[in-house]
C-alpha cells in the first residue's frame, strides 16, 4: 500500500516545485511587466521632460535674446534718458536765463514807462510853455505893432519938433541980441508931466550960443532944494520931481532971475 501511494506522492511532491516555479515566473513576469510599464512611463516622462527641457532651453534662449534686446533697449533708453536729462538741464538753464532776461526786460519796460510818463509831463509842460510863449508872442506882436505905431507918431512928432527947433533957433538968433541988451536971461522954460503921475519935469533951454551957469531954487511948502548946473550952448537941462505949485527961481550972474510956478 505504501508502494502504491508512493508514485502519487512523488507526483504530488514533484508538482509543488513546478507550481512554485510557475508562480515565481508569473510573479517575475508581472514584476517585469510592472517594471517595463514603469520604465515606459519613466521613459515617456523622460522624453516629455527632455522635450520640456529643450522647449525650456529654446524659451530660455529666446528669453535671453529678448533679455539682450531689453538690455540694449534699456541701455538705449538710459542714453536717451541721460540726453533728456542733459537737455532738461539745458532747457532749465535757458528757462532761468529767460526768466532773468524777462525780469531785466520788465525793469527796462518799467523804466521806459516811467521815462515816457516823465517825457509826457515834460511835453505837456512844454506845450503849456509854448502856449504861454505864443500868448506872450502875440502880446509882444500887438505891443510891437503898437510901438511901431507910436514910433511912427514919435518920428512925426520928432520931425515936427525938429522943424520947431530949427524955427526956434532962427528966432533965437534974432532975439539973442535983443535979450542981451535988456539983461534978460537967455533961457526958455517948460514943464512936462512925468509918467505914472510922479510929478513934473522942468525943462530949461539955453538959448545962448555959449554955456550958461544957472542956480536953481525950488520951494514947495516947507521944503526948499537948490542945485547949480552948467547948460551947454543950445542944450536943455531937465529937473525932475517938481511938484505942481512949487516955486522955481532960476538965477545966473549978469542976468535977471527967472521966476516960474510948476504947473
C-alpha atoms as a PDB file:
ATOM      1  CA  UNK A   1       0.000   0.000   0.000  1.00  0.00           C
ATOM      2  CA  UNK A   2       2.790   2.263   0.786  1.00  0.00           C
ATOM      3  CA  UNK A   3       4.307   1.322  -2.538  1.00  0.00           C
ATOM      4  CA  UNK A   4       1.081   2.136  -4.290  1.00  0.00           C
ATOM      5  CA  UNK A   5       0.933   5.625  -2.749  1.00  0.00           C
ATOM      6  CA  UNK A   6       4.494   6.441  -3.458  1.00  0.00           C
ATOM      7  CA  UNK A   7       4.131   7.365  -7.152  1.00  0.00           C
ATOM      8  CA  UNK A   8       1.221   9.645  -6.394  1.00  0.00           C
ATOM      9  CA  UNK A   9       3.094  11.103  -3.535  1.00  0.00           C
ATOM     10  CA  UNK A  10       6.093  11.653  -5.737  1.00  0.00           C
ATOM     11  CA  UNK A  11       3.905  13.201  -8.354  1.00  0.00           C
ATOM     12  CA  UNK A  12       2.452  15.458  -5.765  1.00  0.00           C
ATOM     13  CA  UNK A  13       5.862  16.253  -4.471  1.00  0.00           C
ATOM     14  CA  UNK A  14       7.176  16.967  -7.981  1.00  0.00           C
ATOM     15  CA  UNK A  15       4.239  19.265  -8.826  1.00  0.00           C
ATOM     16  CA  UNK A  16       4.831  21.629  -5.882  1.00  0.00           C
ATOM     17  CA  UNK A  17       8.231  22.869  -7.090  1.00  0.00           C
ATOM     18  CA  UNK A  18       6.922  23.339 -10.556  1.00  0.00           C
ATOM     19  CA  UNK A  19       3.938  25.198  -9.279  1.00  0.00           C
ATOM     20  CA  UNK A  20       6.206  27.387  -7.160  1.00  0.00           C
ATOM     21  CA  UNK A  21       8.402  27.923 -10.124  1.00  0.00           C
ATOM     22  CA  UNK A  22       5.430  28.783 -12.303  1.00  0.00           C
ATOM     23  CA  UNK A  23       4.178  31.190  -9.659  1.00  0.00           C
ATOM     24  CA  UNK A  24       7.624  32.644  -9.380  1.00  0.00           C
ATOM     25  CA  UNK A  25       7.778  33.030 -13.127  1.00  0.00           C
ATOM     26  CA  UNK A  26       4.389  34.627 -13.150  1.00  0.00           C
ATOM     27  CA  UNK A  27       5.412  36.956 -10.344  1.00  0.00           C
ATOM     28  CA  UNK A  28       8.631  37.744 -12.165  1.00  0.00           C
ATOM     29  CA  UNK A  29       6.667  38.283 -15.348  1.00  0.00           C
ATOM     30  CA  UNK A  30       4.255  40.564 -13.512  1.00  0.00           C
ATOM     31  CA  UNK A  31       7.140  42.343 -11.857  1.00  0.00           C
ATOM     32  CA  UNK A  32       8.897  42.567 -15.211  1.00  0.00           C
ATOM     33  CA  UNK A  33       5.722  43.885 -16.824  1.00  0.00           C
ATOM     34  CA  UNK A  34       5.288  46.360 -13.960  1.00  0.00           C
ATOM     35  CA  UNK A  35       8.894  47.468 -14.315  1.00  0.00           C
ATOM     36  CA  UNK A  36       8.507  47.643 -18.078  1.00  0.00           C
ATOM     37  CA  UNK A  37       5.354  49.702 -17.672  1.00  0.00           C
ATOM     38  CA  UNK A  38       7.109  51.781 -15.050  1.00  0.00           C
ATOM     39  CA  UNK A  39      10.188  52.143 -17.274  1.00  0.00           C
ATOM     40  CA  UNK A  40       7.973  53.006 -20.223  1.00  0.00           C
ATOM     41  CA  UNK A  41       6.246  55.617 -18.085  1.00  0.00           C
ATOM     42  CA  UNK A  42       9.598  56.866 -16.914  1.00  0.00           C
ATOM     43  CA  UNK A  43      10.886  56.925 -20.490  1.00  0.00           C
ATOM     44  CA  UNK A  44       7.765  58.821 -21.537  1.00  0.00           C
ATOM     45  CA  UNK A  45       8.220  61.200 -18.647  1.00  0.00           C
ATOM     46  CA  UNK A  46      11.919  61.487 -19.512  1.00  0.00           C
ATOM     47  CA  UNK A  47      11.087  62.158 -23.154  1.00  0.00           C
ATOM     48  CA  UNK A  48       8.491  64.679 -22.094  1.00  0.00           C
ATOM     49  CA  UNK A  49      10.970  66.176 -19.609  1.00  0.00           C
ATOM     50  CA  UNK A  50      13.631  66.329 -22.333  1.00  0.00           C
ATOM     51  CA  UNK A  51      11.095  67.884 -24.645  1.00  0.00           C
ATOM     52  CA  UNK A  52      10.146  70.367 -21.925  1.00  0.00           C
ATOM     53  CA  UNK A  53      13.872  70.903 -21.241  1.00  0.00           C
ATOM     54  CA  UNK A  54      14.506  71.513 -24.937  1.00  0.00           C
ATOM     55  CA  UNK A  55      11.486  73.842 -25.018  1.00  0.00           C
ATOM     56  CA  UNK A  56      12.752  75.485 -21.837  1.00  0.00           C
ATOM     57  CA  UNK A  57      16.192  75.874 -23.406  1.00  0.00           C
ATOM     58  CA  UNK A  58      14.569  77.321 -26.522  1.00  0.00           C
ATOM     59  CA  UNK A  59      12.414  79.561 -24.401  1.00  0.00           C
ATOM     60  CA  UNK A  60      15.499  80.410 -22.311  1.00  0.00           C
ATOM     61  CA  UNK A  61      17.472  81.235 -25.462  1.00  0.00           C
ATOM     62  CA  UNK A  62      14.573  83.325 -26.751  1.00  0.00           C
ATOM     63  CA  UNK A  63      14.214  84.909 -23.329  1.00  0.00           C
ATOM     64  CA  UNK A  64      17.981  85.548 -23.285  1.00  0.00           C
ATOM     65  CA  UNK A  65      17.691  87.094 -26.764  1.00  0.00           C
ATOM     66  CA  UNK A  66      14.782  89.195 -25.619  1.00  0.00           C
ATOM     67  CA  UNK A  67      16.707  89.995 -22.428  1.00  0.00           C
ATOM     68  CA  UNK A  68      19.700  91.070 -24.519  1.00  0.00           C
ATOM     69  CA  UNK A  69      17.353  93.159 -26.651  1.00  0.00           C
ATOM     70  CA  UNK A  70      15.790  94.547 -23.477  1.00  0.00           C
ATOM     71  CA  UNK A  71      19.247  95.295 -22.113  1.00  0.00           C
ATOM     72  CA  UNK A  72      20.164  97.002 -25.394  1.00  0.00           C
ATOM     73  CA  UNK A  73      16.866  98.873 -25.373  1.00  0.00           C
ATOM     74  CA  UNK A  74      17.416  99.708 -21.690  1.00  0.00           C
ATOM     75  CA  UNK A  75      20.920 100.988 -22.446  1.00  0.00           C
ATOM     76  CA  UNK A  76      19.490 102.998 -25.364  1.00  0.00           C
ATOM     77  CA  UNK A  77      16.724 104.295 -23.121  1.00  0.00           C
ATOM     78  CA  UNK A  78      19.354 105.097 -20.465  1.00  0.00           C
ATOM     79  CA  UNK A  79      21.308 107.057 -23.061  1.00  0.00           C
ATOM     80  CA  UNK A  80      18.142 108.794 -24.164  1.00  0.00           C
ATOM     81  CA  UNK A  81      17.284 109.471 -20.526  1.00  0.00           C
ATOM     82  CA  UNK A  82      20.783 110.877 -19.938  1.00  0.00           C
ATOM     83  CA  UNK A  83      20.437 113.023 -23.061  1.00  0.00           C
ATOM     84  CA  UNK A  84      16.937 114.037 -21.959  1.00  0.00           C
ATOM     85  CA  UNK A  85      18.294 114.972 -18.525  1.00  0.00           C
ATOM     86  CA  UNK A  86      21.060 116.986 -20.201  1.00  0.00           C
ATOM     87  CA  UNK A  87      18.506 118.655 -22.474  1.00  0.00           C
ATOM     88  CA  UNK A  88      16.268 119.254 -19.466  1.00  0.00           C
ATOM     89  CA  UNK A  89      19.165 120.823 -17.568  1.00  0.00           C
ATOM     90  CA  UNK A  90      19.987 122.931 -20.641  1.00  0.00           C
ATOM     91  CA  UNK A  91      16.331 123.899 -21.031  1.00  0.00           C
ATOM     92  CA  UNK A  92      16.165 124.719 -17.306  1.00  0.00           C
ATOM     93  CA  UNK A  93      19.264 126.885 -17.685  1.00  0.00           C
ATOM     94  CA  UNK A  94      17.713 128.579 -20.732  1.00  0.00           C
ATOM     95  CA  UNK A  95      14.475 128.989 -18.783  1.00  0.00           C
ATOM     96  CA  UNK A  96      16.351 130.575 -15.880  1.00  0.00           C
ATOM     97  CA  UNK A  97      18.197 132.854 -18.300  1.00  0.00           C
ATOM     98  CA  UNK A  98      14.905 133.647 -19.997  1.00  0.00           C
ATOM     99  CA  UNK A  99      13.323 134.455 -16.626  1.00  0.00           C
ATOM    100  CA  UNK A 100      16.276 136.673 -15.711  1.00  0.00           C
ATOM    101  CA  UNK A 101      16.102 138.352 -19.125  1.00  0.00           C
ATOM    102  CA  UNK A 102      12.359 138.744 -18.663  1.00  0.00           C
ATOM    103  CA  UNK A 103      12.931 140.383 -15.270  1.00  0.00           C
ATOM    104  CA  UNK A 104      15.519 142.705 -16.812  1.00  0.00           C
ATOM    105  CA  UNK A 105      13.197 143.482 -19.723  1.00  0.00           C
ATOM    106  CA  UNK A 106      10.362 144.158 -17.271  1.00  0.00           C
ATOM    107  CA  UNK A 107      12.640 146.506 -15.328  1.00  0.00           C
ATOM    108  CA  UNK A 108      13.632 148.226 -18.579  1.00  0.00           C
ATOM    109  CA  UNK A 109       9.977 148.391 -19.560  1.00  0.00           C
ATOM    110  CA  UNK A 110       9.093 149.948 -16.202  1.00  0.00           C
ATOM    111  CA  UNK A 111      11.921 152.452 -16.662  1.00  0.00           C
ATOM    112  CA  UNK A 112      10.741 153.154 -20.206  1.00  0.00           C
ATOM    113  CA  UNK A 113       7.176 153.664 -18.948  1.00  0.00           C
ATOM    114  CA  UNK A 114       8.419 155.984 -16.193  1.00  0.00           C
ATOM    115  CA  UNK A 115      10.559 157.855 -18.746  1.00  0.00           C
ATOM    116  CA  UNK A 116       7.560 158.032 -21.091  1.00  0.00           C
ATOM    117  CA  UNK A 117       5.404 159.437 -18.272  1.00  0.00           C
ATOM    118  CA  UNK A 118       8.143 161.942 -17.413  1.00  0.00           C
ATOM    119  CA  UNK A 119       8.578 162.869 -21.077  1.00  0.00           C
ATOM    120  CA  UNK A 120       4.806 163.208 -21.422  1.00  0.00           C
ATOM    121  CA  UNK A 121       4.790 165.516 -18.387  1.00  0.00           C
ATOM    122  CA  UNK A 122       7.673 167.489 -19.890  1.00  0.00           C
ATOM    123  CA  UNK A 123       5.842 167.567 -23.219  1.00  0.00           C
ATOM    124  CA  UNK A 124       2.685 168.826 -21.543  1.00  0.00           C
ATOM    125  CA  UNK A 125       4.774 171.405 -19.683  1.00  0.00           C
ATOM    126  CA  UNK A 126       6.495 172.356 -22.935  1.00  0.00           C
ATOM    127  CA  UNK A 127       3.107 172.665 -24.639  1.00  0.00           C
ATOM    128  CA  UNK A 128       1.877 174.864 -21.796  1.00  0.00           C
ATOM    129  CA  UNK A 129       5.062 176.939 -22.017  1.00  0.00           C
ATOM    130  CA  UNK A 130       4.725 177.069 -25.802  1.00  0.00           C
ATOM    131  CA  UNK A 131       1.128 178.230 -25.420  1.00  0.00           C
ATOM    132  CA  UNK A 132       2.282 180.826 -22.871  1.00  0.00           C
ATOM    133  CA  UNK A 133       5.140 181.883 -25.168  1.00  0.00           C
ATOM    134  CA  UNK A 134       2.675 182.079 -28.058  1.00  0.00           C
ATOM    135  CA  UNK A 135       0.421 184.250 -25.942  1.00  0.00           C
ATOM    136  CA  UNK A 136       3.392 186.399 -24.945  1.00  0.00           C
ATOM    137  CA  UNK A 137       4.477 186.495 -28.586  1.00  0.00           C
ATOM    138  CA  UNK A 138       1.002 187.576 -29.631  1.00  0.00           C
ATOM    139  CA  UNK A 139       1.055 190.236 -26.925  1.00  0.00           C
ATOM    140  CA  UNK A 140       4.572 191.222 -27.968  1.00  0.00           C
ATOM    141  CA  UNK A 141       3.468 191.350 -31.581  1.00  0.00           C
ATOM    142  CA  UNK A 142       0.497 193.504 -30.626  1.00  0.00           C
ATOM    143  CA  UNK A 143       2.791 195.616 -28.427  1.00  0.00           C
ATOM    144  CA  UNK A 144       5.338 195.795 -31.231  1.00  0.00           C
ATOM    145  CA  UNK A 145       2.639 196.910 -33.624  1.00  0.00           C
ATOM    146  CA  UNK A 146       1.542 199.488 -31.084  1.00  0.00           C
ATOM    147  CA  UNK A 147       5.169 200.539 -30.512  1.00  0.00           C
ATOM    148  CA  UNK A 148       5.711 200.814 -34.247  1.00  0.00           C
ATOM    149  CA  UNK A 149       2.643 202.990 -34.441  1.00  0.00           C
ATOM    150  CA  UNK A 150       3.914 205.053 -31.510  1.00  0.00           C
ATOM    151  CA  UNK A 151       7.362 205.154 -33.135  1.00  0.00           C
ATOM    152  CA  UNK A 152       5.837 206.445 -36.344  1.00  0.00           C
ATOM    153  CA  UNK A 153       3.961 209.051 -34.342  1.00  0.00           C
ATOM    154  CA  UNK A 154       7.151 209.875 -32.425  1.00  0.00           C
ATOM    155  CA  UNK A 155       9.025 210.208 -35.693  1.00  0.00           C
ATOM    156  CA  UNK A 156       6.330 212.562 -36.941  1.00  0.00           C
ATOM    157  CA  UNK A 157       6.453 214.474 -33.663  1.00  0.00           C
ATOM    158  CA  UNK A 158      10.263 214.473 -33.817  1.00  0.00           C
ATOM    159  CA  UNK A 159      10.181 215.831 -37.308  1.00  0.00           C
ATOM    160  CA  UNK A 160       7.680 218.449 -36.158  1.00  0.00           C
ATOM    161  CA  UNK A 161       9.817 219.259 -33.110  1.00  0.00           C
ATOM    162  CA  UNK A 162      12.911 219.395 -35.286  1.00  0.00           C
ATOM    163  CA  UNK A 163      11.125 221.822 -37.509  1.00  0.00           C
ATOM    164  CA  UNK A 164      10.030 223.854 -34.489  1.00  0.00           C
ATOM    165  CA  UNK A 165      13.571 223.701 -33.070  1.00  0.00           C
ATOM    166  CA  UNK A 166      15.023 224.999 -36.258  1.00  0.00           C
ATOM    167  CA  UNK A 167      12.452 227.768 -36.284  1.00  0.00           C
ATOM    168  CA  UNK A 168      13.147 228.482 -32.585  1.00  0.00           C
ATOM    169  CA  UNK A 169      16.885 228.580 -33.237  1.00  0.00           C
ATOM    170  CA  UNK A 170      16.268 231.015 -36.050  1.00  0.00           C
ATOM    171  CA  UNK A 171      14.047 233.097 -33.812  1.00  0.00           C
ATOM    172  CA  UNK A 172      16.652 232.819 -31.022  1.00  0.00           C
ATOM    173  CA  UNK A 173      19.349 234.077 -33.317  1.00  0.00           C
ATOM    174  CA  UNK A 174      17.172 237.067 -33.952  1.00  0.00           C
ATOM    175  CA  UNK A 175      16.145 237.571 -30.308  1.00  0.00           C
ATOM    176  CA  UNK A 176      19.520 236.951 -28.642  1.00  0.00           C
ATOM    177  CA  UNK A 177      20.977 240.426 -29.339  1.00  0.00           C
ATOM    178  CA  UNK A 178      17.809 241.995 -28.003  1.00  0.00           C
ATOM    179  CA  UNK A 179      17.885 239.801 -24.852  1.00  0.00           C
ATOM    180  CA  UNK A 180      21.483 240.662 -24.180  1.00  0.00           C
ATOM    181  CA  UNK A 181      20.689 244.345 -24.449  1.00  0.00           C
ATOM    182  CA  UNK A 182      17.861 244.228 -21.862  1.00  0.00           C
ATOM    183  CA  UNK A 183      19.743 241.833 -19.455  1.00  0.00           C
ATOM    184  CA  UNK A 184      17.153 239.076 -19.592  1.00  0.00           C
ATOM    185  CA  UNK A 185      18.463 235.541 -19.042  1.00  0.00           C
ATOM    186  CA  UNK A 186      18.598 233.685 -22.400  1.00  0.00           C
ATOM    187  CA  UNK A 187      16.552 230.660 -21.242  1.00  0.00           C
ATOM    188  CA  UNK A 188      13.175 229.177 -22.026  1.00  0.00           C
ATOM    189  CA  UNK A 189      11.292 227.028 -19.503  1.00  0.00           C
ATOM    190  CA  UNK A 190       8.563 224.420 -19.824  1.00  0.00           C
ATOM    191  CA  UNK A 191       7.008 221.696 -17.655  1.00  0.00           C
ATOM    192  CA  UNK A 192       6.241 218.124 -18.701  1.00  0.00           C
ATOM    193  CA  UNK A 193       4.163 215.631 -16.695  1.00  0.00           C
ATOM    194  CA  UNK A 194       6.204 212.599 -15.728  1.00  0.00           C
ATOM    195  CA  UNK A 195       4.971 209.083 -16.481  1.00  0.00           C
ATOM    196  CA  UNK A 196       2.901 207.242 -13.860  1.00  0.00           C
ATOM    197  CA  UNK A 197       1.934 210.567 -12.278  1.00  0.00           C
ATOM    198  CA  UNK A 198       5.169 211.013 -10.269  1.00  0.00           C
ATOM    199  CA  UNK A 199       5.226 214.819 -10.650  1.00  0.00           C
ATOM    200  CA  UNK A 200       6.603 217.249 -13.243  1.00  0.00           C
ATOM    201  CA  UNK A 201       9.910 217.669 -15.061  1.00  0.00           C
ATOM    202  CA  UNK A 202      11.245 221.193 -15.611  1.00  0.00           C
ATOM    203  CA  UNK A 203      12.994 221.762 -18.950  1.00  0.00           C
ATOM    204  CA  UNK A 204      15.416 224.729 -19.025  1.00  0.00           C
ATOM    205  CA  UNK A 205      16.633 225.502 -22.550  1.00  0.00           C
ATOM    206  CA  UNK A 206      19.829 227.570 -23.029  1.00  0.00           C
ATOM    207  CA  UNK A 207      19.082 229.972 -25.880  1.00  0.00           C
ATOM    208  CA  UNK A 208      22.603 231.391 -25.915  1.00  0.00           C
ATOM    209  CA  UNK A 209      25.389 230.252 -28.210  1.00  0.00           C
ATOM    210  CA  UNK A 210      27.671 229.672 -25.218  1.00  0.00           C
ATOM    211  CA  UNK A 211      27.449 227.625 -21.966  1.00  0.00           C
ATOM    212  CA  UNK A 212      25.336 229.144 -19.207  1.00  0.00           C
ATOM    213  CA  UNK A 213      25.756 228.568 -15.441  1.00  0.00           C
ATOM    214  CA  UNK A 214      22.459 228.641 -13.558  1.00  0.00           C
ATOM    215  CA  UNK A 215      21.443 228.347  -9.893  1.00  0.00           C
ATOM    216  CA  UNK A 216      18.005 226.823  -9.437  1.00  0.00           C
ATOM    217  CA  UNK A 217      15.966 227.083  -6.218  1.00  0.00           C
ATOM    218  CA  UNK A 218      12.742 225.062  -5.865  1.00  0.00           C
ATOM    219  CA  UNK A 219      10.433 225.872  -2.966  1.00  0.00           C
ATOM    220  CA  UNK A 220       7.386 223.788  -2.126  1.00  0.00           C
ATOM    221  CA  UNK A 221       5.657 224.157   1.240  1.00  0.00           C
ATOM    222  CA  UNK A 222       8.349 223.921   3.940  1.00  0.00           C
ATOM    223  CA  UNK A 223      10.878 222.204   1.647  1.00  0.00           C
ATOM    224  CA  UNK A 224      13.480 224.040  -0.399  1.00  0.00           C
ATOM    225  CA  UNK A 225      16.114 222.495  -2.612  1.00  0.00           C
ATOM    226  CA  UNK A 226      18.881 224.092  -4.627  1.00  0.00           C
ATOM    227  CA  UNK A 227      21.153 222.957  -7.403  1.00  0.00           C
ATOM    228  CA  UNK A 228      23.740 224.529  -9.732  1.00  0.00           C
ATOM    229  CA  UNK A 229      24.233 223.377 -13.297  1.00  0.00           C
ATOM    230  CA  UNK A 230      26.038 224.374 -16.464  1.00  0.00           C
ATOM    231  CA  UNK A 231      23.820 224.242 -19.537  1.00  0.00           C
ATOM    232  CA  UNK A 232      25.674 223.806 -22.796  1.00  0.00           C
ATOM    233  CA  UNK A 233      25.133 226.111 -25.745  1.00  0.00           C
ATOM    234  CA  UNK A 234      21.679 225.352 -27.179  1.00  0.00           C
ATOM    235  CA  UNK A 235      21.292 222.445 -24.681  1.00  0.00           C
ATOM    236  CA  UNK A 236      18.462 221.632 -22.287  1.00  0.00           C
ATOM    237  CA  UNK A 237      18.629 220.969 -18.535  1.00  0.00           C
ATOM    238  CA  UNK A 238      15.988 218.607 -17.104  1.00  0.00           C
ATOM    239  CA  UNK A 239      14.997 218.997 -13.453  1.00  0.00           C
ATOM    240  CA  UNK A 240      12.818 216.073 -12.277  1.00  0.00           C
ATOM    241  CA  UNK A 241      10.396 215.543  -9.362  1.00  0.00           C
ATOM    242  CA  UNK A 242       8.954 219.050  -9.292  1.00  0.00           C
ATOM    243  CA  UNK A 243       5.549 219.129  -7.657  1.00  0.00           C
ATOM    244  CA  UNK A 244       2.711 221.154  -9.099  1.00  0.00           C
ATOM    245  CA  UNK A 245       2.564 224.549  -7.423  1.00  0.00           C
ATOM    246  CA  UNK A 246       6.293 224.608  -6.490  1.00  0.00           C
ATOM    247  CA  UNK A 247       8.027 227.998  -6.941  1.00  0.00           C
ATOM    248  CA  UNK A 248      11.118 227.820  -9.152  1.00  0.00           C
ATOM    249  CA  UNK A 249      13.763 230.597  -9.281  1.00  0.00           C
ATOM    250  CA  UNK A 250      16.487 230.419 -11.941  1.00  0.00           C
ATOM    251  CA  UNK A 251      19.417 232.816 -11.392  1.00  0.00           C
ATOM    252  CA  UNK A 252      22.616 233.459 -13.319  1.00  0.00           C
ATOM    253  CA  UNK A 253      25.320 236.150 -12.923  1.00  0.00           C
ATOM    254  CA  UNK A 254      24.742 239.146 -15.174  1.00  0.00           C
ATOM    255  CA  UNK A 255      21.065 238.354 -15.797  1.00  0.00           C
ATOM    256  CA  UNK A 256      17.769 238.991 -14.168  1.00  0.00           C
ATOM    257  CA  UNK A 257      16.377 235.905 -12.431  1.00  0.00           C
ATOM    258  CA  UNK A 258      13.504 233.966 -13.935  1.00  0.00           C
ATOM    259  CA  UNK A 259      10.594 233.044 -11.640  1.00  0.00           C
ATOM    260  CA  UNK A 260       8.123 230.317 -12.693  1.00  0.00           C
ATOM    261  CA  UNK A 261       5.454 228.217 -10.969  1.00  0.00           C
ATOM    262  CA  UNK A 262       5.292 224.482 -11.701  1.00  0.00           C
ATOM    263  CA  UNK A 263       2.063 223.560 -13.434  1.00  0.00           C
END
